[in-house]
Amino acid sequence: MRQFGLTYDDAVDIQKIMTTGLKLQRKFYDANRSHMSNSEKIVVKIKSKRAMKKIAYLNNFTKARSKSEIRELGKLVVE
C-alpha cells in the first residue's frame, strides 16, 4: 500500500467505505433482483466479487478485520 502513497489510516478508511458499499449493494440486489435482467445480475455479481477481493487485499495490509469477519463479509458477495 505504501507504493500507492497510502497510509495505514487511509487504507482502513477505504476498507470501511468498501465494506459499507458491499453491504448496501447486497441489500439493493436482494430488494431488486426480481426486476433485474440476467445481464444486470451478472454485472452485480462481478462487481461484488471485485469489491470483496479489494477488501481482502486491503485487510492483508491493515489487519483491521479478523479472518472470521472477512468470511462473514464474503457471505455478502452475490452468487
N, C-alpha and C. Protein backbone atom coordinates (compact mmCIF):
# COMPACT_ATOMS: atom_id res chain seq x y z
N MET A 1 0.82 -1.19 0.00
CA MET A 1 0.00 0.00 0.00
C MET A 1 0.87 1.26 0.00
N ARG A 2 2.02 1.12 0.57
CA ARG A 2 2.90 2.29 0.59
C ARG A 2 3.34 2.68 -0.81
N GLN A 3 3.36 1.70 -1.71
CA GLN A 3 3.74 2.00 -3.09
C GLN A 3 2.73 2.93 -3.76
N PHE A 4 1.51 2.97 -3.24
CA PHE A 4 0.48 3.86 -3.78
C PHE A 4 0.40 5.16 -2.99
N GLY A 5 1.24 5.31 -1.99
CA GLY A 5 1.25 6.53 -1.19
C GLY A 5 0.15 6.58 -0.14
N LEU A 6 -0.40 5.42 0.23
CA LEU A 6 -1.44 5.38 1.24
C LEU A 6 -0.86 5.10 2.61
N THR A 7 -1.41 5.76 3.59
CA THR A 7 -1.02 5.47 4.96
C THR A 7 -1.93 4.38 5.50
N TYR A 8 -1.61 3.89 6.67
CA TYR A 8 -2.44 2.88 7.31
C TYR A 8 -3.86 3.39 7.51
N ASP A 9 -3.99 4.63 8.00
CA ASP A 9 -5.31 5.20 8.26
C ASP A 9 -6.12 5.35 6.97
N ASP A 10 -5.45 5.72 5.88
CA ASP A 10 -6.14 5.81 4.58
C ASP A 10 -6.69 4.45 4.17
N ALA A 11 -5.86 3.43 4.33
CA ALA A 11 -6.28 2.07 3.93
C ALA A 11 -7.45 1.58 4.79
N VAL A 12 -7.42 1.87 6.09
CA VAL A 12 -8.52 1.47 6.97
C VAL A 12 -9.81 2.19 6.57
N ASP A 13 -9.71 3.48 6.27
CA ASP A 13 -10.89 4.24 5.85
C ASP A 13 -11.46 3.71 4.53
N ILE A 14 -10.60 3.41 3.58
CA ILE A 14 -11.04 2.86 2.30
C ILE A 14 -11.73 1.52 2.52
N GLN A 15 -11.15 0.70 3.39
CA GLN A 15 -11.73 -0.61 3.67
C GLN A 15 -13.11 -0.47 4.31
N LYS A 16 -13.29 0.48 5.21
CA LYS A 16 -14.59 0.70 5.83
C LYS A 16 -15.63 1.14 4.80
N ILE A 17 -15.22 2.03 3.91
CA ILE A 17 -16.14 2.52 2.87
C ILE A 17 -16.52 1.39 1.93
N MET A 18 -15.56 0.58 1.54
CA MET A 18 -15.85 -0.53 0.63
C MET A 18 -16.74 -1.57 1.30
N THR A 19 -16.54 -1.80 2.59
CA THR A 19 -17.38 -2.74 3.34
C THR A 19 -18.82 -2.24 3.39
N THR A 20 -18.99 -0.96 3.66
CA THR A 20 -20.32 -0.37 3.68
C THR A 20 -20.97 -0.48 2.31
N GLY A 21 -20.20 -0.20 1.26
CA GLY A 21 -20.71 -0.30 -0.10
C GLY A 21 -21.13 -1.72 -0.46
N LEU A 22 -20.35 -2.71 -0.02
CA LEU A 22 -20.69 -4.10 -0.30
C LEU A 22 -22.01 -4.48 0.39
N LYS A 23 -22.18 -4.03 1.62
CA LYS A 23 -23.42 -4.32 2.35
C LYS A 23 -24.62 -3.66 1.67
N LEU A 24 -24.46 -2.41 1.26
CA LEU A 24 -25.56 -1.72 0.58
C LEU A 24 -25.87 -2.34 -0.78
N GLN A 25 -24.83 -2.75 -1.47
CA GLN A 25 -25.01 -3.39 -2.78
C GLN A 25 -25.81 -4.68 -2.62
N ARG A 26 -25.52 -5.44 -1.57
CA ARG A 26 -26.26 -6.69 -1.34
C ARG A 26 -27.72 -6.41 -1.01
N LYS A 27 -27.97 -5.39 -0.18
CA LYS A 27 -29.35 -5.03 0.15
C LYS A 27 -30.12 -4.61 -1.11
N PHE A 28 -29.48 -3.81 -1.96
CA PHE A 28 -30.10 -3.38 -3.20
C PHE A 28 -30.40 -4.58 -4.09
N TYR A 29 -29.45 -5.47 -4.20
CA TYR A 29 -29.63 -6.66 -5.04
C TYR A 29 -30.79 -7.51 -4.53
N ASP A 30 -30.83 -7.74 -3.22
CA ASP A 30 -31.91 -8.55 -2.65
C ASP A 30 -33.28 -7.92 -2.88
N ALA A 31 -33.33 -6.60 -2.81
CA ALA A 31 -34.61 -5.92 -2.98
C ALA A 31 -35.06 -5.86 -4.44
N ASN A 32 -34.12 -5.84 -5.37
CA ASN A 32 -34.46 -5.61 -6.78
C ASN A 32 -34.14 -6.76 -7.72
N ARG A 33 -33.72 -7.87 -7.21
CA ARG A 33 -33.28 -8.96 -8.08
C ARG A 33 -34.37 -9.47 -9.01
N SER A 34 -35.60 -9.44 -8.56
CA SER A 34 -36.68 -9.95 -9.41
C SER A 34 -36.96 -9.04 -10.61
N HIS A 35 -36.53 -7.79 -10.52
CA HIS A 35 -36.76 -6.83 -11.60
C HIS A 35 -35.55 -6.66 -12.51
N MET A 36 -34.48 -7.40 -12.23
CA MET A 36 -33.24 -7.23 -12.98
C MET A 36 -33.15 -8.25 -14.12
N SER A 37 -32.52 -7.82 -15.21
CA SER A 37 -32.27 -8.74 -16.32
C SER A 37 -31.07 -9.62 -15.95
N ASN A 38 -30.87 -10.68 -16.71
CA ASN A 38 -29.74 -11.58 -16.44
C ASN A 38 -28.41 -10.86 -16.57
N SER A 39 -28.30 -9.98 -17.55
CA SER A 39 -27.03 -9.25 -17.72
C SER A 39 -26.77 -8.32 -16.54
N GLU A 40 -27.81 -7.70 -16.00
CA GLU A 40 -27.64 -6.84 -14.83
C GLU A 40 -27.22 -7.67 -13.61
N LYS A 41 -27.77 -8.85 -13.47
CA LYS A 41 -27.39 -9.73 -12.36
C LYS A 41 -25.92 -10.14 -12.47
N ILE A 42 -25.48 -10.42 -13.68
CA ILE A 42 -24.08 -10.80 -13.89
C ILE A 42 -23.15 -9.65 -13.53
N VAL A 43 -23.52 -8.44 -13.91
CA VAL A 43 -22.71 -7.26 -13.59
C VAL A 43 -22.61 -7.08 -12.08
N VAL A 44 -23.71 -7.26 -11.37
CA VAL A 44 -23.71 -7.13 -9.91
C VAL A 44 -22.81 -8.19 -9.28
N LYS A 45 -22.88 -9.42 -9.80
CA LYS A 45 -22.03 -10.49 -9.28
C LYS A 45 -20.56 -10.16 -9.45
N ILE A 46 -20.20 -9.69 -10.62
CA ILE A 46 -18.80 -9.35 -10.90
C ILE A 46 -18.33 -8.21 -10.00
N LYS A 47 -19.16 -7.19 -9.86
CA LYS A 47 -18.78 -6.04 -9.03
C LYS A 47 -18.64 -6.42 -7.57
N SER A 48 -19.52 -7.27 -7.08
CA SER A 48 -19.43 -7.64 -5.66
C SER A 48 -18.20 -8.52 -5.41
N LYS A 49 -17.86 -9.38 -6.35
CA LYS A 49 -16.66 -10.20 -6.20
C LYS A 49 -15.40 -9.33 -6.22
N ARG A 50 -15.38 -8.35 -7.11
CA ARG A 50 -14.23 -7.43 -7.18
C ARG A 50 -14.09 -6.64 -5.88
N ALA A 51 -15.22 -6.17 -5.36
CA ALA A 51 -15.18 -5.39 -4.11
C ALA A 51 -14.65 -6.26 -2.97
N MET A 52 -15.08 -7.50 -2.91
CA MET A 52 -14.62 -8.38 -1.84
C MET A 52 -13.12 -8.65 -1.97
N LYS A 53 -12.64 -8.83 -3.19
CA LYS A 53 -11.20 -9.04 -3.39
C LYS A 53 -10.41 -7.82 -2.93
N LYS A 54 -10.93 -6.63 -3.21
CA LYS A 54 -10.23 -5.41 -2.79
C LYS A 54 -10.23 -5.27 -1.28
N ILE A 55 -11.35 -5.62 -0.64
CA ILE A 55 -11.43 -5.56 0.82
C ILE A 55 -10.42 -6.54 1.43
N ALA A 56 -10.36 -7.74 0.88
CA ALA A 56 -9.42 -8.74 1.39
C ALA A 56 -7.97 -8.29 1.18
N TYR A 57 -7.68 -7.67 0.04
CA TYR A 57 -6.34 -7.16 -0.24
C TYR A 57 -5.96 -6.08 0.77
N LEU A 58 -6.88 -5.16 1.01
CA LEU A 58 -6.61 -4.11 2.00
C LEU A 58 -6.42 -4.70 3.38
N ASN A 59 -7.15 -5.76 3.69
CA ASN A 59 -7.03 -6.37 5.02
C ASN A 59 -5.66 -7.02 5.20
N ASN A 60 -5.06 -7.51 4.12
CA ASN A 60 -3.70 -8.05 4.22
C ASN A 60 -2.73 -6.98 4.69
N PHE A 61 -2.99 -5.75 4.32
CA PHE A 61 -2.13 -4.63 4.71
C PHE A 61 -2.48 -4.11 6.10
N THR A 62 -3.77 -3.95 6.36
CA THR A 62 -4.19 -3.29 7.61
C THR A 62 -4.38 -4.24 8.77
N LYS A 63 -4.80 -5.45 8.51
CA LYS A 63 -5.16 -6.42 9.56
C LYS A 63 -6.23 -5.84 10.48
N ALA A 64 -7.09 -4.96 9.91
CA ALA A 64 -8.12 -4.29 10.69
C ALA A 64 -9.28 -5.23 11.02
N ARG A 65 -9.45 -6.26 10.23
CA ARG A 65 -10.54 -7.20 10.45
C ARG A 65 -9.96 -8.60 10.63
N SER A 66 -10.64 -9.39 11.45
CA SER A 66 -10.19 -10.76 11.66
C SER A 66 -10.62 -11.62 10.47
N LYS A 67 -10.07 -12.82 10.40
CA LYS A 67 -10.42 -13.72 9.30
C LYS A 67 -11.89 -14.08 9.35
N SER A 68 -12.45 -14.21 10.54
CA SER A 68 -13.87 -14.55 10.64
C SER A 68 -14.75 -13.41 10.13
N GLU A 69 -14.33 -12.17 10.38
CA GLU A 69 -15.09 -11.02 9.85
C GLU A 69 -15.04 -10.98 8.33
N ILE A 70 -13.89 -11.31 7.77
CA ILE A 70 -13.75 -11.35 6.31
C ILE A 70 -14.63 -12.45 5.73
N ARG A 71 -14.69 -13.60 6.41
CA ARG A 71 -15.56 -14.69 5.94
C ARG A 71 -17.02 -14.27 5.97
N GLU A 72 -17.43 -13.55 7.01
CA GLU A 72 -18.81 -13.06 7.10
C GLU A 72 -19.10 -12.08 5.96
N LEU A 73 -18.14 -11.22 5.65
CA LEU A 73 -18.32 -10.31 4.51
C LEU A 73 -18.42 -11.08 3.21
N GLY A 74 -17.69 -12.16 3.11
CA GLY A 74 -17.72 -12.99 1.91
C GLY A 74 -19.11 -13.55 1.63
N LYS A 75 -19.90 -13.71 2.68
CA LYS A 75 -21.27 -14.20 2.51
C LYS A 75 -22.16 -13.16 1.84
N LEU A 76 -21.74 -11.89 1.83
CA LEU A 76 -22.49 -10.84 1.20
C LEU A 76 -22.30 -10.80 -0.32
N VAL A 77 -21.28 -11.48 -0.79
CA VAL A 77 -20.99 -11.49 -2.22
C VAL A 77 -22.14 -12.19 -2.94
N VAL A 78 -22.62 -11.57 -3.99
CA VAL A 78 -23.73 -12.11 -4.77
C VAL A 78 -23.25 -13.33 -5.53
N GLU A 79 -23.94 -14.43 -5.36
CA GLU A 79 -23.58 -15.69 -6.05
C GLU A 79 -24.59 -16.02 -7.10
